[in-house]
PDB file of N, CA and C in Angstrom:
ATOM      1  N   MET A   1       9.445  -1.265  12.885  1.00  0.00           N
ATOM      2  CA  MET A   1       8.775  -0.359  11.979  1.00  0.00           C
ATOM      3  C   MET A   1       9.783   0.261  11.017  1.00  0.00           C
ATOM      4  N   THR A   2       9.350   0.415   9.806  1.00  0.00           N
ATOM      5  CA  THR A   2      10.171   0.986   8.756  1.00  0.00           C
ATOM      6  C   THR A   2      10.211   2.508   8.885  1.00  0.00           C
ATOM      7  N   ASN A   3      11.356   3.095   8.580  1.00  0.00           N
ATOM      8  CA  ASN A   3      11.505   4.547   8.568  1.00  0.00           C
ATOM      9  C   ASN A   3      10.862   5.077   7.283  1.00  0.00           C
ATOM     10  N   LEU A   4       9.725   5.768   7.408  1.00  0.00           N
ATOM     11  CA  LEU A   4       8.977   6.224   6.242  1.00  0.00           C
ATOM     12  C   LEU A   4       9.061   7.730   6.054  1.00  0.00           C
ATOM     13  N   ARG A   5       9.066   8.108   4.788  1.00  0.00           N
ATOM     14  CA  ARG A   5       8.891   9.507   4.402  1.00  0.00           C
ATOM     15  C   ARG A   5       7.726   9.526   3.421  1.00  0.00           C
ATOM     16  N   TRP A   6       6.854  10.495   3.545  1.00  0.00           N
ATOM     17  CA  TRP A   6       5.638  10.564   2.741  1.00  0.00           C
ATOM     18  C   TRP A   6       5.733  11.700   1.736  1.00  0.00           C
ATOM     19  N   THR A   7       5.417  11.407   0.467  1.00  0.00           N
ATOM     20  CA  THR A   7       5.318  12.482  -0.511  1.00  0.00           C
ATOM     21  C   THR A   7       3.979  13.195  -0.300  1.00  0.00           C
ATOM     22  N   PRO A   8       3.890  14.452  -0.724  1.00  0.00           N
ATOM     23  CA  PRO A   8       2.593  15.140  -0.633  1.00  0.00           C
ATOM     24  C   PRO A   8       1.487  14.367  -1.375  1.00  0.00           C
ATOM     25  N   HIS A   9       1.840  13.761  -2.501  1.00  0.00           N
ATOM     26  CA  HIS A   9       0.861  12.983  -3.266  1.00  0.00           C
ATOM     27  C   HIS A   9       0.334  11.802  -2.443  1.00  0.00           C
ATOM     28  N   ALA A  10       1.220  11.113  -1.741  1.00  0.00           N
ATOM     29  CA  ALA A  10       0.800   9.980  -0.908  1.00  0.00           C
ATOM     30  C   ALA A  10      -0.109  10.451   0.229  1.00  0.00           C
ATOM     31  N   LEU A  11       0.234  11.560   0.860  1.00  0.00           N
ATOM     32  CA  LEU A  11      -0.605  12.084   1.949  1.00  0.00           C
ATOM     33  C   LEU A  11      -1.982  12.501   1.428  1.00  0.00           C
ATOM     34  N   GLU A  12      -2.021  13.056   0.235  1.00  0.00           N
ATOM     35  CA  GLU A  12      -3.297  13.416  -0.379  1.00  0.00           C
ATOM     36  C   GLU A  12      -4.115  12.150  -0.663  1.00  0.00           C
ATOM     37  N   GLY A  13      -3.429  11.090  -1.117  1.00  0.00           N
ATOM     38  CA  GLY A  13      -4.100   9.822  -1.375  1.00  0.00           C
ATOM     39  C   GLY A  13      -4.708   9.222  -0.116  1.00  0.00           C
ATOM     40  N   LEU A  14      -3.991   9.347   1.002  1.00  0.00           N
ATOM     41  CA  LEU A  14      -4.544   8.869   2.276  1.00  0.00           C
ATOM     42  C   LEU A  14      -5.852   9.569   2.592  1.00  0.00           C
ATOM     43  N   ALA A  15      -5.850  10.878   2.471  1.00  0.00           N
ATOM     44  CA  ALA A  15      -7.045  11.656   2.789  1.00  0.00           C
ATOM     45  C   ALA A  15      -8.180  11.343   1.818  1.00  0.00           C
ATOM     46  N   ASP A  16      -7.876  11.304   0.525  1.00  0.00           N
ATOM     47  CA  ASP A  16      -8.897  11.048  -0.497  1.00  0.00           C
ATOM     48  C   ASP A  16      -9.552   9.678  -0.332  1.00  0.00           C
ATOM     49  N   ARG A  17      -8.758   8.703   0.087  1.00  0.00           N
ATOM     50  CA  ARG A  17      -9.245   7.320   0.192  1.00  0.00           C
ATOM     51  C   ARG A  17      -9.647   6.937   1.613  1.00  0.00           C
ATOM     52  N   GLU A  18      -9.576   7.922   2.505  1.00  0.00           N
ATOM     53  CA  GLU A  18      -9.942   7.732   3.907  1.00  0.00           C
ATOM     54  C   GLU A  18      -9.184   6.554   4.529  1.00  0.00           C
ATOM     55  N   LEU A  19      -7.862   6.581   4.323  1.00  0.00           N
ATOM     56  CA  LEU A  19      -6.971   5.558   4.869  1.00  0.00           C
ATOM     57  C   LEU A  19      -6.131   6.151   5.992  1.00  0.00           C
ATOM     58  N   GLY A  20      -5.762   5.315   6.945  1.00  0.00           N
ATOM     59  CA  GLY A  20      -4.872   5.732   8.003  1.00  0.00           C
ATOM     60  C   GLY A  20      -3.436   5.369   7.686  1.00  0.00           C
ATOM     61  N   ARG A  21      -2.511   6.141   8.224  1.00  0.00           N
ATOM     62  CA  ARG A  21      -1.092   5.838   8.017  1.00  0.00           C
ATOM     63  C   ARG A  21      -0.743   4.442   8.522  1.00  0.00           C
ATOM     64  N   GLU A  22      -1.405   4.008   9.607  1.00  0.00           N
ATOM     65  CA  GLU A  22      -1.096   2.691  10.172  1.00  0.00           C
ATOM     66  C   GLU A  22      -1.396   1.564   9.183  1.00  0.00           C
ATOM     67  N   GLU A  23      -2.422   1.718   8.340  1.00  0.00           N
ATOM     68  CA  GLU A  23      -2.726   0.703   7.325  1.00  0.00           C
ATOM     69  C   GLU A  23      -1.578   0.596   6.318  1.00  0.00           C
ATOM     70  N   VAL A  24      -1.051   1.735   5.915  1.00  0.00           N
ATOM     71  CA  VAL A  24       0.054   1.761   4.960  1.00  0.00           C
ATOM     72  C   VAL A  24       1.315   1.179   5.596  1.00  0.00           C
ATOM     73  N   GLU A  25       1.594   1.577   6.837  1.00  0.00           N
ATOM     74  CA  GLU A  25       2.782   1.068   7.529  1.00  0.00           C
ATOM     75  C   GLU A  25       2.719  -0.452   7.671  1.00  0.00           C
ATOM     76  N   GLU A  26       1.542  -0.974   8.017  1.00  0.00           N
ATOM     77  CA  GLU A  26       1.394  -2.426   8.149  1.00  0.00           C
ATOM     78  C   GLU A  26       1.580  -3.119   6.803  1.00  0.00           C
ATOM     79  N   THR A  27       1.110  -2.493   5.739  1.00  0.00           N
ATOM     80  CA  THR A  27       1.270  -3.069   4.400  1.00  0.00           C
ATOM     81  C   THR A  27       2.737  -3.142   4.013  1.00  0.00           C
ATOM     82  N   ILE A  28       3.507  -2.133   4.343  1.00  0.00           N
ATOM     83  CA  ILE A  28       4.936  -2.139   4.026  1.00  0.00           C
ATOM     84  C   ILE A  28       5.677  -3.131   4.917  1.00  0.00           C
ATOM     85  N   ASP A  29       5.326  -3.179   6.197  1.00  0.00           N
ATOM     86  CA  ASP A  29       6.018  -4.069   7.134  1.00  0.00           C
ATOM     87  C   ASP A  29       5.645  -5.538   6.946  1.00  0.00           C
ATOM     88  N   GLU A  30       4.381  -5.813   6.566  1.00  0.00           N
ATOM     89  CA  GLU A  30       3.908  -7.196   6.438  1.00  0.00           C
ATOM     90  C   GLU A  30       3.049  -7.361   5.185  1.00  0.00           C
ATOM     91  N   PRO A  31       3.654  -7.205   4.000  1.00  0.00           N
ATOM     92  CA  PRO A  31       2.861  -7.321   2.769  1.00  0.00           C
ATOM     93  C   PRO A  31       2.487  -8.779   2.488  1.00  0.00           C
ATOM     94  N   ALA A  32       1.354  -8.961   1.822  1.00  0.00           N
ATOM     95  CA  ALA A  32       0.995 -10.295   1.334  1.00  0.00           C
ATOM     96  C   ALA A  32       1.829 -10.609   0.097  1.00  0.00           C
ATOM     97  N   LEU A  33       2.173  -9.557  -0.644  1.00  0.00           N
ATOM     98  CA  LEU A  33       2.921  -9.722  -1.886  1.00  0.00           C
ATOM     99  C   LEU A  33       3.635  -8.415  -2.192  1.00  0.00           C
ATOM    100  N   THR A  34       4.814  -8.505  -2.755  1.00  0.00           N
ATOM    101  CA  THR A  34       5.497  -7.325  -3.291  1.00  0.00           C
ATOM    102  C   THR A  34       5.808  -7.602  -4.750  1.00  0.00           C
ATOM    103  N   VAL A  35       5.671  -6.588  -5.564  1.00  0.00           N
ATOM    104  CA  VAL A  35       5.985  -6.716  -6.989  1.00  0.00           C
ATOM    105  C   VAL A  35       6.808  -5.507  -7.412  1.00  0.00           C
ATOM    106  N   PRO A  36       7.709  -5.713  -8.374  1.00  0.00           N
ATOM    107  CA  PRO A  36       8.502  -4.578  -8.844  1.00  0.00           C
ATOM    108  C   PRO A  36       7.609  -3.573  -9.561  1.00  0.00           C
ATOM    109  N   GLY A  37       7.881  -2.307  -9.317  1.00  0.00           N
ATOM    110  CA  GLY A  37       7.189  -1.235 -10.024  1.00  0.00           C
ATOM    111  C   GLY A  37       8.113  -0.654 -11.071  1.00  0.00           C
ATOM    112  N   ARG A  38       7.770   0.481 -11.581  1.00  0.00           N
ATOM    113  CA  ARG A  38       8.629   1.154 -12.567  1.00  0.00           C
ATOM    114  C   ARG A  38       9.864   1.711 -11.877  1.00  0.00           C
ATOM    115  N   GLY A  39      10.976   1.684 -12.570  1.00  0.00           N
ATOM    116  CA  GLY A  39      12.218   2.213 -12.016  1.00  0.00           C
ATOM    117  C   GLY A  39      12.618   1.461 -10.762  1.00  0.00           C
ATOM    118  N   ASN A  40      12.913   2.187  -9.707  1.00  0.00           N
ATOM    119  CA  ASN A  40      13.330   1.552  -8.452  1.00  0.00           C
ATOM    120  C   ASN A  40      12.168   1.439  -7.467  1.00  0.00           C
ATOM    121  N   ARG A  41      10.958   1.442  -7.958  1.00  0.00           N
ATOM    122  CA  ARG A  41       9.779   1.375  -7.083  1.00  0.00           C
ATOM    123  C   ARG A  41       9.356  -0.064  -6.823  1.00  0.00           C
ATOM    124  N   THR A  42       8.745  -0.237  -5.659  1.00  0.00           N
ATOM    125  CA  THR A  42       8.169  -1.516  -5.262  1.00  0.00           C
ATOM    126  C   THR A  42       6.719  -1.276  -4.904  1.00  0.00           C
ATOM    127  N   VAL A  43       5.852  -2.212  -5.285  1.00  0.00           N
ATOM    128  CA  VAL A  43       4.441  -2.135  -4.925  1.00  0.00           C
ATOM    129  C   VAL A  43       4.188  -3.183  -3.847  1.00  0.00           C
ATOM    130  N   PHE A  44       3.733  -2.729  -2.694  1.00  0.00           N
ATOM    131  CA  PHE A  44       3.405  -3.589  -1.557  1.00  0.00           C
ATOM    132  C   PHE A  44       1.896  -3.798  -1.551  1.00  0.00           C
ATOM    133  N   LEU A  45       1.457  -5.049  -1.436  1.00  0.00           N
ATOM    134  CA  LEU A  45       0.038  -5.374  -1.497  1.00  0.00           C
ATOM    135  C   LEU A  45      -0.382  -6.137  -0.247  1.00  0.00           C
ATOM    136  N   ARG A  46      -1.568  -5.787   0.290  1.00  0.00           N
ATOM    137  CA  ARG A  46      -2.101  -6.492   1.462  1.00  0.00           C
ATOM    138  C   ARG A  46      -3.607  -6.314   1.517  1.00  0.00           C
ATOM    139  N   LYS A  47      -4.300  -7.415   1.837  1.00  0.00           N
ATOM    140  CA  LYS A  47      -5.746  -7.330   2.044  1.00  0.00           C
ATOM    141  C   LYS A  47      -6.016  -6.678   3.398  1.00  0.00           C
ATOM    142  N   TYR A  48      -7.105  -5.930   3.465  1.00  0.00           N
ATOM    143  CA  TYR A  48      -7.522  -5.319   4.724  1.00  0.00           C
ATOM    144  C   TYR A  48      -9.028  -5.075   4.668  1.00  0.00           C
ATOM    145  N   HIS A  49      -9.620  -4.852   5.821  1.00  0.00           N
ATOM    146  CA  HIS A  49     -11.046  -4.543   5.869  1.00  0.00           C
ATOM    147  C   HIS A  49     -11.215  -3.028   5.855  1.00  0.00           C
ATOM    148  N   ASP A  50     -11.838  -2.528   4.812  1.00  0.00           N
ATOM    149  CA  ASP A  50     -12.060  -1.089   4.688  1.00  0.00           C
ATOM    150  C   ASP A  50     -13.280  -0.713   5.523  1.00  0.00           C
ATOM    151  N   ARG A  51     -13.055   0.089   6.545  1.00  0.00           N
ATOM    152  CA  ARG A  51     -14.138   0.449   7.477  1.00  0.00           C
ATOM    153  C   ARG A  51     -15.149   1.376   6.828  1.00  0.00           C
ATOM    154  N   VAL A  52     -14.749   2.178   5.859  1.00  0.00           N
ATOM    155  CA  VAL A  52     -15.661   3.098   5.194  1.00  0.00           C
ATOM    156  C   VAL A  52     -16.590   2.340   4.240  1.00  0.00           C
ATOM    157  N   LEU A  53     -16.008   1.445   3.439  1.00  0.00           N
ATOM    158  CA  LEU A  53     -16.798   0.682   2.472  1.00  0.00           C
ATOM    159  C   LEU A  53     -17.437  -0.560   3.094  1.00  0.00           C
ATOM    160  N   GLY A  54     -16.916  -0.992   4.243  1.00  0.00           N
ATOM    161  CA  GLY A  54     -17.456  -2.158   4.918  1.00  0.00           C
ATOM    162  C   GLY A  54     -17.193  -3.458   4.185  1.00  0.00           C
ATOM    163  N   GLN A  55     -16.046  -3.549   3.522  1.00  0.00           N
ATOM    164  CA  GLN A  55     -15.716  -4.768   2.785  1.00  0.00           C
ATOM    165  C   GLN A  55     -14.201  -4.966   2.726  1.00  0.00           C
ATOM    166  N   GLU A  56     -13.820  -6.182   2.357  1.00  0.00           N
ATOM    167  CA  GLU A  56     -12.410  -6.489   2.198  1.00  0.00           C
ATOM    168  C   GLU A  56     -11.910  -5.843   0.912  1.00  0.00           C
ATOM    169  N   MET A  57     -10.761  -5.193   1.014  1.00  0.00           N
ATOM    170  CA  MET A  57     -10.150  -4.505  -0.114  1.00  0.00           C
ATOM    171  C   MET A  57      -8.671  -4.865  -0.154  1.00  0.00           C
ATOM    172  N   LEU A  58      -8.028  -4.467  -1.221  1.00  0.00           N
ATOM    173  CA  LEU A  58      -6.591  -4.631  -1.357  1.00  0.00           C
ATOM    174  C   LEU A  58      -5.957  -3.252  -1.282  1.00  0.00           C
ATOM    175  N   LEU A  59      -5.016  -3.103  -0.362  1.00  0.00           N
ATOM    176  CA  LEU A  59      -4.275  -1.853  -0.247  1.00  0.00           C
ATOM    177  C   LEU A  59      -2.985  -1.996  -1.037  1.00  0.00           C
ATOM    178  N   CYS A  60      -2.731  -1.038  -1.908  1.00  0.00           N
ATOM    179  CA  CYS A  60      -1.547  -1.032  -2.762  1.00  0.00           C
ATOM    180  C   CYS A  60      -0.721   0.198  -2.414  1.00  0.00           C
ATOM    181  N   VAL A  61       0.523  -0.021  -2.067  1.00  0.00           N
ATOM    182  CA  VAL A  61       1.417   1.065  -1.675  1.00  0.00           C
ATOM    183  C   VAL A  61       2.618   1.052  -2.608  1.00  0.00           C
ATOM    184  N   VAL A  62       2.827   2.143  -3.301  1.00  0.00           N
ATOM    185  CA  VAL A  62       3.974   2.281  -4.195  1.00  0.00           C
ATOM    186  C   VAL A  62       5.034   3.082  -3.447  1.00  0.00           C
ATOM    187  N   ALA A  63       6.231   2.491  -3.338  1.00  0.00           N
ATOM    188  CA  ALA A  63       7.288   3.127  -2.548  1.00  0.00           C
ATOM    189  C   ALA A  63       8.646   2.932  -3.196  1.00  0.00           C
ATOM    190  N   GLU A  64       9.588   3.778  -2.785  1.00  0.00           N
ATOM    191  CA  GLU A  64      10.984   3.699  -3.232  1.00  0.00           C
ATOM    192  C   GLU A  64      11.878   3.573  -2.011  1.00  0.00           C
ATOM    193  N   GLN A  65      12.913   2.758  -2.112  1.00  0.00           N
ATOM    194  CA  GLN A  65      13.899   2.608  -1.040  1.00  0.00           C
ATOM    195  C   GLN A  65      15.031   3.597  -1.287  1.00  0.00           C
ATOM    196  N   HIS A  66      15.332   4.416  -0.275  1.00  0.00           N
ATOM    197  CA  HIS A  66      16.444   5.369  -0.332  1.00  0.00           C
ATOM    198  C   HIS A  66      17.259   5.173   0.933  1.00  0.00           C
ATOM    199  N   GLY A  67      18.296   4.361   0.843  1.00  0.00           N
ATOM    200  CA  GLY A  67      19.104   4.060   2.023  1.00  0.00           C
ATOM    201  C   GLY A  67      18.273   3.332   3.056  1.00  0.00           C
ATOM    202  N   ASP A  68      18.221   3.875   4.270  1.00  0.00           N
ATOM    203  CA  ASP A  68      17.442   3.242   5.341  1.00  0.00           C
ATOM    204  C   ASP A  68      16.021   3.789   5.419  1.00  0.00           C
ATOM    205  N   GLU A  69      15.620   4.523   4.398  1.00  0.00           N
ATOM    206  CA  GLU A  69      14.316   5.176   4.389  1.00  0.00           C
ATOM    207  C   GLU A  69      13.470   4.654   3.223  1.00  0.00           C
ATOM    208  N   VAL A  70      12.181   4.473   3.482  1.00  0.00           N
ATOM    209  CA  VAL A  70      11.232   4.115   2.437  1.00  0.00           C
ATOM    210  C   VAL A  70      10.377   5.346   2.161  1.00  0.00           C
ATOM    211  N   VAL A  71      10.334   5.754   0.902  1.00  0.00           N
ATOM    212  CA  VAL A  71       9.546   6.916   0.502  1.00  0.00           C
ATOM    213  C   VAL A  71       8.239   6.410  -0.093  1.00  0.00           C
ATOM    214  N   VAL A  72       7.130   6.748   0.559  1.00  0.00           N
ATOM    215  CA  VAL A  72       5.809   6.359   0.071  1.00  0.00           C
ATOM    216  C   VAL A  72       5.421   7.356  -1.024  1.00  0.00           C
ATOM    217  N   VAL A  73       5.280   6.832  -2.256  1.00  0.00           N
ATOM    218  CA  VAL A  73       5.000   7.665  -3.416  1.00  0.00           C
ATOM    219  C   VAL A  73       3.495   7.854  -3.592  1.00  0.00           C
ATOM    220  N   THR A  74       2.734   6.773  -3.512  1.00  0.00           N
ATOM    221  CA  THR A  74       1.290   6.848  -3.653  1.00  0.00           C
ATOM    222  C   THR A  74       0.648   5.632  -3.003  1.00  0.00           C
ATOM    223  N   VAL A  75      -0.628   5.739  -2.716  1.00  0.00           N
ATOM    224  CA  VAL A  75      -1.406   4.628  -2.169  1.00  0.00           C
ATOM    225  C   VAL A  75      -2.741   4.586  -2.887  1.00  0.00           C
ATOM    226  N   TYR A  76      -3.230   3.374  -3.102  1.00  0.00           N
ATOM    227  CA  TYR A  76      -4.567   3.215  -3.654  1.00  0.00           C
ATOM    228  C   TYR A  76      -5.130   1.900  -3.170  1.00  0.00           C
ATOM    229  N   LYS A  77      -6.432   1.743  -3.322  1.00  0.00           N
ATOM    230  CA  LYS A  77      -7.072   0.507  -2.906  1.00  0.00           C
ATOM    231  C   LYS A  77      -7.847  -0.045  -4.092  1.00  0.00           C
ATOM    232  N   ALA A  78      -7.980  -1.370  -4.087  1.00  0.00           N
ATOM    233  CA  ALA A  78      -8.662  -2.055  -5.185  1.00  0.00           C
ATOM    234  C   ALA A  78      -9.627  -3.085  -4.614  1.00  0.00           C
ATOM    235  N   SER A  79     -10.740  -3.259  -5.292  1.00  0.00           N
ATOM    236  CA  SER A  79     -11.715  -4.256  -4.850  1.00  0.00           C
ATOM    237  C   SER A  79     -11.512  -5.604  -5.534  1.00  0.00           C
ATOM    238  N   LYS A  80     -10.807  -5.621  -6.660  1.00  0.00           N
ATOM    239  CA  LYS A  80     -10.576  -6.872  -7.411  1.00  0.00           C
ATOM    240  C   LYS A  80      -9.302  -7.537  -6.895  1.00  0.00           C
ATOM    241  N   ILE A  81      -9.422  -8.115  -5.701  1.00  0.00           N
ATOM    242  CA  ILE A  81      -8.272  -8.683  -4.998  1.00  0.00           C
ATOM    243  C   ILE A  81      -7.629  -9.800  -5.791  1.00  0.00           C
ATOM    244  N   ASP A  82      -8.424 -10.712  -6.342  1.00  0.00           N
ATOM    245  CA  ASP A  82      -7.871 -11.853  -7.081  1.00  0.00           C
ATOM    246  C   ASP A  82      -7.073 -11.411  -8.300  1.00  0.00           C
ATOM    247  N   LYS A  83      -7.442 -10.296  -8.901  1.00  0.00           N
ATOM    248  CA  LYS A  83      -6.706  -9.782 -10.056  1.00  0.00           C
ATOM    249  C   LYS A  83      -5.249  -9.517  -9.697  1.00  0.00           C
ATOM    250  N   TYR A  84      -5.040  -9.000  -8.491  1.00  0.00           N
ATOM    251  CA  TYR A  84      -3.697  -8.631  -8.056  1.00  0.00           C
ATOM    252  C   TYR A  84      -2.974  -9.761  -7.340  1.00  0.00           C
ATOM    253  N   LEU A  85      -3.694 -10.519  -6.523  1.00  0.00           N
ATOM    254  CA  LEU A  85      -3.060 -11.554  -5.711  1.00  0.00           C
ATOM    255  C   LEU A  85      -3.155 -12.940  -6.335  1.00  0.00           C
ATOM    256  N   GLY A  86      -3.825 -13.065  -7.451  1.00  0.00           N
ATOM    257  CA  GLY A  86      -3.844 -14.320  -8.163  1.00  0.00           C
ATOM    258  C   GLY A  86      -4.680 -15.416  -7.532  1.00  0.00           C
ATOM    259  N   GLY A  87      -5.940 -15.184  -7.311  1.00  0.00           N
ATOM    260  CA  GLY A  87      -6.852 -16.253  -6.920  1.00  0.00           C
ATOM    261  C   GLY A  87      -6.816 -16.651  -5.477  1.00  0.00           C
ATOM    262  N   GLY A  88      -6.815 -15.693  -4.578  1.00  0.00           N
ATOM    263  CA  GLY A  88      -7.010 -16.025  -3.177  1.00  0.00           C
ATOM    264  C   GLY A  88      -5.770 -16.129  -2.339  1.00  0.00           C
ATOM    265  N   SER A  89      -4.616 -15.724  -2.833  1.00  0.00           N
ATOM    266  CA  SER A  89      -3.433 -15.691  -1.975  1.00  0.00           C
ATOM    267  C   SER A  89      -3.646 -14.659  -0.897  1.00  0.00           C
ATOM    268  N   SER A  90      -3.037 -14.865   0.276  1.00  0.00           N
ATOM    269  CA  SER A  90      -3.202 -13.867   1.326  1.00  0.00           C
ATOM    270  C   SER A  90      -1.888 -13.296   1.749  1.00  0.00           C
TER     271      SER A  90
END
């Protein structure tokens, strides 16, 4: 497991989107895809089943690496999976 630190914004995003920390941790540890973000940020992407919406969604986690620690900046989910993963990649 990765050593994580959460920004207040990321924790608020978890609550607003009804996501669990374990979903975010799994996305960082086993992403389907990572893409560079702005500055030194990385966006981790992974499909998951959203229990609230009852459908497959894409979890997007924006994070920064600081030494041996990953700082979770924000989290969001998207329904247009192919837009982000390019036509069915998992």
